[in-house]
Amino acid sequence: MGAQLRIYRQRIRSVQATKKITRAFELIASSQMVRAQQRVVSSAPYTTLLTRAVSALATHSHENHPLTTEKGEITRSAVLLVTSDRGLAGAYSSNVIKESERLVELLRQQGREPVVYITGRKGVAFYRYRRREIEREWTGFSDAPTFETAQDIARTLIDAFLADPADGGVDEIHVVSTRFVNMVSQVPEVVRMLPLEVVEGVEAPAPHEVLPLYEFEPSVQVVLDALLPAYVESKIFNALLQSAASELVSRQRAMKSATDNAEELIRRYTRLANTARQAEITQEISEIVGGANALAASGARA
């Protein structure tokens, strides 16, 4: 009985140590989560205004740009997969990886060769374990991305899109990331980044409304050359920020669940230890009473 009690106490100490770790991770994720949400909110105005500018430019000009021109036959499709660098975030990385797997399978069914770009060590480890080819990878920033990283990713993707598929280029680019809806909902999504599709178009004019005239300086082509890469950079940066916020929320929720489970295990093992201790005390009392009765009986016979 004493050995069983020692086992329960060892398990309690082990779970208590685990609880301290999960609680610390929960607090760290909670503090970082607030900053990540603030970064998502603060980046929204710039992205919105840039989208409106590109929308107006694309609507009121008839200039063909390489980033907006649909290629005739699509043979190679790039897929940018945004995952996390660390674990302990629940199903965050696995959900976005599953979404990318569905996209890759769809592209292959359509006769298109997928070319995979990955951010985050989880996605890199997933592909390397299965010995799949990765065109390029970026790691070490998933919970705090910088605009410089987004620029590097955007330049790499744009260069691949502008290159000829026979020379290693691609015909289209898809981004698979996690959209931060709120503290409860984070949704994996697929967005085709290039050829450029501006989501927010100009609203239809009201009856008898006079539309403004646009004049571009020095030329429409120069303005497009400046705005479109910046638009792609802002979209990728926004996707990285939303993925970072989703990762931290998922980690905070997963660590809170782990802490609650640890507390439940401690309560369960404490009850079992108390039961074992009570049984041990009862057995000791029974042995003492039995011994006393035996001594009394031997004394009476003497």
Protein backbone atom coordinates (compact mmCIF):
# COMPACT_ATOMS: atom_id res chain seq x y z
CA MET A 1 0.00 0.00 0.00
CA GLY A 2 2.87 2.39 0.76
CA ALA A 3 4.34 1.86 -2.73
CA GLN A 4 1.01 2.79 -4.34
CA LEU A 5 0.85 5.97 -2.28
CA ARG A 6 4.37 6.93 -3.39
CA ILE A 7 3.39 6.41 -7.04
CA TYR A 8 0.39 8.73 -6.68
CA ARG A 9 2.51 11.40 -5.02
CA GLN A 10 5.15 11.17 -7.77
CA ARG A 11 2.43 11.59 -10.40
CA ILE A 12 1.03 14.61 -8.56
CA ARG A 13 4.47 16.27 -8.51
CA SER A 14 4.97 15.48 -12.21
CA VAL A 15 1.60 16.95 -13.20
CA GLN A 16 2.22 20.01 -11.03
CA ALA A 17 5.50 20.65 -12.88
CA THR A 18 3.70 20.28 -16.21
CA LYS A 19 0.99 22.66 -15.01
CA LYS A 20 3.58 25.34 -14.23
CA ILE A 21 4.95 25.07 -17.78
CA THR A 22 1.56 25.19 -19.50
CA ARG A 23 0.47 28.09 -17.29
CA ALA A 24 3.61 30.04 -18.18
CA PHE A 25 3.04 29.42 -21.91
CA GLU A 26 -0.58 30.51 -21.49
CA LEU A 27 0.41 33.81 -19.87
CA ILE A 28 3.11 34.48 -22.49
CA ALA A 29 0.69 33.78 -25.34
CA SER A 30 -1.94 36.01 -23.74
CA SER A 31 0.45 38.96 -23.51
CA GLN A 32 1.72 38.50 -27.07
CA MET A 33 -1.80 37.93 -28.39
CA VAL A 34 -2.90 41.47 -27.49
CA ARG A 35 0.01 43.01 -29.38
CA ALA A 36 -0.61 40.76 -32.39
CA GLN A 37 -4.26 41.83 -32.56
CA GLN A 38 -3.25 45.47 -32.31
CA ARG A 39 -0.84 45.02 -35.24
CA VAL A 40 -3.61 43.48 -37.34
CA VAL A 41 -5.93 46.40 -36.56
CA SER A 42 -3.24 49.03 -37.16
CA SER A 43 -2.31 47.57 -40.56
CA ALA A 44 -5.91 47.54 -41.80
CA PRO A 45 -6.18 51.26 -42.79
CA TYR A 46 -3.05 51.15 -44.98
CA THR A 47 -4.18 47.95 -46.68
CA THR A 48 -7.70 49.33 -47.23
CA LEU A 49 -6.51 52.63 -48.73
CA LEU A 50 -3.98 50.89 -50.95
CA THR A 51 -6.66 48.47 -52.14
CA ARG A 52 -8.97 51.36 -53.01
CA ALA A 53 -6.20 53.11 -54.92
CA VAL A 54 -5.44 49.99 -56.93
CA SER A 55 -9.17 49.43 -57.49
CA ALA A 56 -9.59 52.95 -58.90
CA LEU A 57 -6.51 52.57 -61.06
CA ALA A 58 -7.61 49.19 -62.44
CA THR A 59 -11.16 50.41 -63.04
CA HIS A 60 -10.42 53.69 -64.81
CA SER A 61 -7.45 52.62 -66.91
CA HIS A 62 -7.13 50.12 -69.73
CA GLU A 63 -3.44 49.44 -69.26
CA ASN A 64 -2.34 45.80 -69.29
CA HIS A 65 0.22 45.00 -66.59
CA PRO A 66 2.12 41.72 -66.20
CA LEU A 67 0.81 41.30 -62.64
CA THR A 68 -2.82 41.65 -63.73
CA THR A 69 -2.73 39.77 -67.02
CA GLU A 70 -4.15 36.26 -67.03
CA LYS A 71 -1.82 33.81 -68.75
CA GLY A 72 -3.26 31.64 -71.48
CA GLU A 73 -2.29 28.16 -70.30
CA ILE A 74 -1.50 27.54 -66.63
CA THR A 75 1.04 24.76 -66.15
CA ARG A 76 2.81 25.70 -62.88
CA SER A 77 1.09 27.09 -59.78
CA ALA A 78 2.92 28.45 -56.75
CA VAL A 79 1.51 27.80 -53.28
CA LEU A 80 2.65 29.92 -50.33
CA LEU A 81 1.91 28.00 -47.12
CA VAL A 82 1.91 30.06 -43.89
CA THR A 83 2.46 27.94 -40.74
CA SER A 84 3.98 28.41 -37.29
CA ASP A 85 7.55 28.01 -36.09
CA ARG A 86 6.59 26.39 -32.79
CA GLY A 87 4.08 23.85 -31.60
CA LEU A 88 1.78 23.85 -28.57
CA ALA A 89 -0.84 25.73 -30.60
CA GLY A 90 -3.50 23.07 -30.92
CA ALA A 91 -4.60 22.29 -34.47
CA TYR A 92 -3.48 25.65 -35.90
CA SER A 93 -0.71 24.37 -38.17
CA SER A 94 -2.39 21.07 -39.03
CA ASN A 95 -5.56 22.85 -40.19
CA VAL A 96 -3.73 25.15 -42.61
CA ILE A 97 -1.56 22.26 -43.83
CA LYS A 98 -4.69 20.21 -44.57
CA GLU A 99 -6.09 23.16 -46.53
CA SER A 100 -2.89 23.35 -48.57
CA GLU A 101 -3.00 19.61 -49.21
CA ARG A 102 -6.51 19.95 -50.64
CA LEU A 103 -5.33 22.81 -52.86
CA VAL A 104 -2.28 20.89 -54.10
CA GLU A 105 -4.44 17.87 -54.92
CA LEU A 106 -6.91 20.08 -56.80
CA LEU A 107 -4.09 21.68 -58.81
CA ARG A 108 -2.73 18.27 -59.77
CA GLN A 109 -6.17 17.12 -60.88
CA GLN A 110 -6.29 20.20 -63.13
CA GLY A 111 -2.97 19.25 -64.69
CA ARG A 112 -0.96 21.98 -62.96
CA GLU A 113 2.37 21.42 -61.25
CA PRO A 114 2.38 22.83 -57.67
CA VAL A 115 5.46 24.78 -56.59
CA VAL A 116 5.49 25.13 -52.80
CA TYR A 117 6.87 28.07 -50.79
CA ILE A 118 6.63 27.74 -46.99
CA THR A 119 6.89 30.02 -43.98
CA GLY A 120 7.18 28.41 -40.54
CA ARG A 121 9.14 25.40 -39.29
CA LYS A 122 5.99 23.26 -38.88
CA GLY A 123 5.25 23.36 -42.59
CA VAL A 124 8.91 22.82 -43.46
CA ALA A 125 9.09 19.79 -41.15
CA PHE A 126 5.88 18.39 -42.66
CA TYR A 127 7.32 18.51 -46.18
CA ARG A 128 10.82 17.37 -45.28
CA TYR A 129 9.53 14.36 -43.34
CA ARG A 130 7.66 13.28 -46.47
CA ARG A 131 10.68 14.15 -48.67
CA ARG A 132 8.73 16.65 -50.74
CA GLU A 133 10.39 19.45 -52.63
CA ILE A 134 10.25 23.00 -51.24
CA GLU A 135 11.05 25.86 -53.61
CA ARG A 136 11.96 28.26 -50.79
CA GLU A 137 11.35 28.58 -47.06
CA TRP A 138 11.24 31.35 -44.44
CA THR A 139 11.36 30.57 -40.71
CA GLY A 140 11.88 32.21 -37.32
CA PHE A 141 9.23 34.96 -37.32
CA SER A 142 5.77 33.33 -37.30
CA ASP A 143 4.56 34.96 -34.04
CA ALA A 144 6.04 38.40 -34.85
CA PRO A 145 6.40 38.95 -38.62
CA THR A 146 8.05 42.07 -40.00
CA PHE A 147 7.29 44.06 -43.12
CA GLU A 148 10.81 43.41 -44.41
CA THR A 149 10.06 39.68 -44.40
CA ALA A 150 6.81 40.28 -46.27
CA GLN A 151 8.73 42.33 -48.84
CA ASP A 152 11.25 39.51 -49.32
CA ILE A 153 8.44 36.98 -49.80
CA ALA A 154 6.58 39.30 -52.18
CA ARG A 155 9.69 39.97 -54.29
CA THR A 156 10.40 36.24 -54.53
CA LEU A 157 6.85 35.43 -55.62
CA ILE A 158 6.65 38.33 -58.08
CA ASP A 159 9.98 37.35 -59.66
CA ALA A 160 8.74 33.78 -60.04
CA PHE A 161 5.48 35.03 -61.59
CA LEU A 162 7.26 37.28 -64.07
CA ALA A 163 9.72 34.53 -65.08
CA ASP A 164 8.96 32.08 -67.84
CA PRO A 165 7.61 28.69 -66.62
CA ALA A 166 10.26 26.97 -68.74
CA ASP A 167 12.93 28.77 -66.67
CA GLY A 168 11.38 27.90 -63.30
CA GLY A 169 8.65 30.55 -63.23
CA VAL A 170 5.00 30.09 -62.33
CA ASP A 171 1.71 31.06 -63.98
CA GLU A 172 -0.28 31.83 -60.82
CA ILE A 173 0.27 32.20 -57.06
CA HIS A 174 -1.99 31.03 -54.23
CA VAL A 175 -1.58 31.94 -50.55
CA VAL A 176 -2.79 29.48 -47.88
CA SER A 177 -2.98 31.16 -44.48
CA THR A 178 -5.25 31.54 -41.46
CA ARG A 179 -7.70 34.44 -41.35
CA PHE A 180 -8.21 35.91 -37.88
CA VAL A 181 -11.97 36.44 -37.44
CA ASN A 182 -12.14 36.90 -33.66
CA MET A 183 -10.92 35.32 -30.44
CA VAL A 184 -13.07 32.24 -31.05
CA SER A 185 -12.83 31.74 -34.81
CA GLN A 186 -9.70 31.44 -36.97
CA VAL A 187 -10.36 30.11 -40.47
CA PRO A 188 -7.80 28.60 -42.90
CA GLU A 189 -8.33 30.13 -46.33
CA VAL A 190 -6.91 30.05 -49.86
CA VAL A 191 -6.47 33.31 -51.80
CA ARG A 192 -5.17 33.59 -55.34
CA MET A 193 -2.66 36.42 -55.14
CA LEU A 194 -1.41 36.59 -58.74
CA PRO A 195 -2.59 37.33 -61.39
CA LEU A 196 -3.87 40.20 -59.31
CA GLU A 197 -7.53 40.17 -58.39
CA VAL A 198 -8.59 43.30 -56.52
CA VAL A 199 -11.38 42.25 -54.18
CA GLU A 200 -12.75 45.67 -53.31
CA GLY A 201 -14.09 47.16 -56.54
CA VAL A 202 -15.57 50.58 -57.09
CA GLU A 203 -19.26 50.77 -56.25
CA ALA A 204 -21.74 51.28 -59.08
CA PRO A 205 -22.56 54.97 -59.61
CA ALA A 206 -25.95 56.33 -58.62
CA PRO A 207 -28.34 57.58 -61.33
CA HIS A 208 -27.20 60.88 -62.89
CA GLU A 209 -23.96 60.72 -60.90
CA VAL A 210 -20.92 62.18 -62.61
CA LEU A 211 -17.84 60.01 -62.27
CA PRO A 212 -14.52 61.76 -61.51
CA LEU A 213 -11.81 62.00 -64.11
CA TYR A 214 -8.46 60.42 -63.28
CA GLU A 215 -5.11 61.63 -64.44
CA PHE A 216 -1.99 59.61 -63.75
CA GLU A 217 1.47 61.12 -63.48
CA PRO A 218 3.91 60.47 -64.97
CA SER A 219 1.97 57.61 -66.67
CA VAL A 220 -0.41 54.77 -65.91
CA GLN A 221 2.34 52.18 -66.42
CA VAL A 222 4.68 53.88 -63.92
CA VAL A 223 1.92 54.17 -61.32
CA LEU A 224 1.01 50.51 -61.78
CA ASP A 225 4.66 49.50 -61.46
CA ALA A 226 4.79 51.31 -58.11
CA LEU A 227 1.39 50.39 -56.68
CA LEU A 228 0.94 46.74 -57.64
CA PRO A 229 4.10 45.38 -55.92
CA ALA A 230 3.24 47.47 -52.84
CA TYR A 231 -0.27 46.02 -52.93
CA VAL A 232 1.08 42.45 -53.03
CA GLU A 233 3.47 43.23 -50.17
CA SER A 234 0.68 44.68 -48.03
CA LYS A 235 -1.56 41.67 -48.69
CA ILE A 236 1.17 39.19 -47.76
CA PHE A 237 2.08 41.20 -44.66
CA ASN A 238 -1.56 41.30 -43.61
CA ALA A 239 -1.81 37.52 -44.10
CA LEU A 240 1.30 37.03 -41.93
CA LEU A 241 -0.11 39.29 -39.21
CA GLN A 242 -3.47 37.52 -39.18
CA SER A 243 -1.73 34.15 -39.07
CA ALA A 244 0.43 35.33 -36.14
CA ALA A 245 -2.63 36.48 -34.20
CA SER A 246 -4.39 33.18 -34.97
CA GLU A 247 -1.33 31.21 -33.83
CA LEU A 248 -1.11 33.03 -30.49
CA VAL A 249 -4.85 32.71 -29.85
CA SER A 250 -4.67 28.99 -30.62
CA ARG A 251 -1.65 28.57 -28.33
CA GLN A 252 -3.32 30.48 -25.49
CA ARG A 253 -6.45 28.35 -25.83
CA ALA A 254 -4.48 25.09 -26.06
CA MET A 255 -2.33 25.94 -23.03
CA LYS A 256 -5.38 26.94 -20.99
CA SER A 257 -6.99 23.61 -21.82
CA ALA A 258 -3.78 21.80 -20.85
CA THR A 259 -3.63 23.71 -17.54
CA ASP A 260 -7.26 22.84 -16.78
CA ASN A 261 -6.58 19.17 -17.57
CA ALA A 262 -3.53 19.23 -15.30
CA GLU A 263 -5.63 20.63 -12.44
CA GLU A 264 -8.22 17.90 -12.98
CA LEU A 265 -5.49 15.23 -12.93
CA ILE A 266 -4.06 16.68 -9.71
CA ARG A 267 -7.50 16.51 -8.07
CA ARG A 268 -7.98 12.94 -9.25
CA TYR A 269 -4.57 11.74 -8.06
CA THR A 270 -5.06 13.58 -4.76
CA ARG A 271 -8.30 11.68 -4.16
CA LEU A 272 -6.62 8.40 -5.04
CA ALA A 273 -3.69 9.21 -2.76
CA ASN A 274 -6.05 10.08 0.10
CA THR A 275 -7.93 6.84 -0.46
CA ALA A 276 -4.69 4.85 -0.43
CA ARG A 277 -3.53 6.69 2.72
CA GLN A 278 -6.81 5.99 4.50
CA ALA A 279 -6.59 2.32 3.54
CA GLU A 280 -3.02 2.23 4.84
CA ILE A 281 -4.09 3.85 8.15
CA THR A 282 -7.01 1.43 8.48
CA GLN A 283 -4.69 -1.52 7.91
CA GLU A 284 -2.22 -0.22 10.51
CA ILE A 285 -5.01 0.25 13.07
CA SER A 286 -6.29 -3.27 12.34
CA GLU A 287 -2.81 -4.67 12.88
CA ILE A 288 -2.42 -2.76 16.17
CA VAL A 289 -5.82 -3.88 17.44
CA GLY A 290 -5.10 -7.45 16.37
CA GLY A 291 -1.76 -7.40 18.16
CA ALA A 292 -3.31 -5.96 21.33
CA ASN A 293 -6.01 -8.61 21.32
CA ALA A 294 -3.40 -11.34 20.88
CA LEU A 295 -1.37 -9.98 23.82
CA ALA A 296 -4.46 -9.77 25.97
CA ALA A 297 -5.45 -13.34 25.13
CA SER A 298 -1.96 -14.68 25.93
CA GLY A 299 -1.93 -12.81 29.22
CA ALA A 300 -5.30 -14.27 30.25
CA ARG A 301 -4.10 -17.81 29.56
CA ALA A 302 -1.01 -17.20 31.68
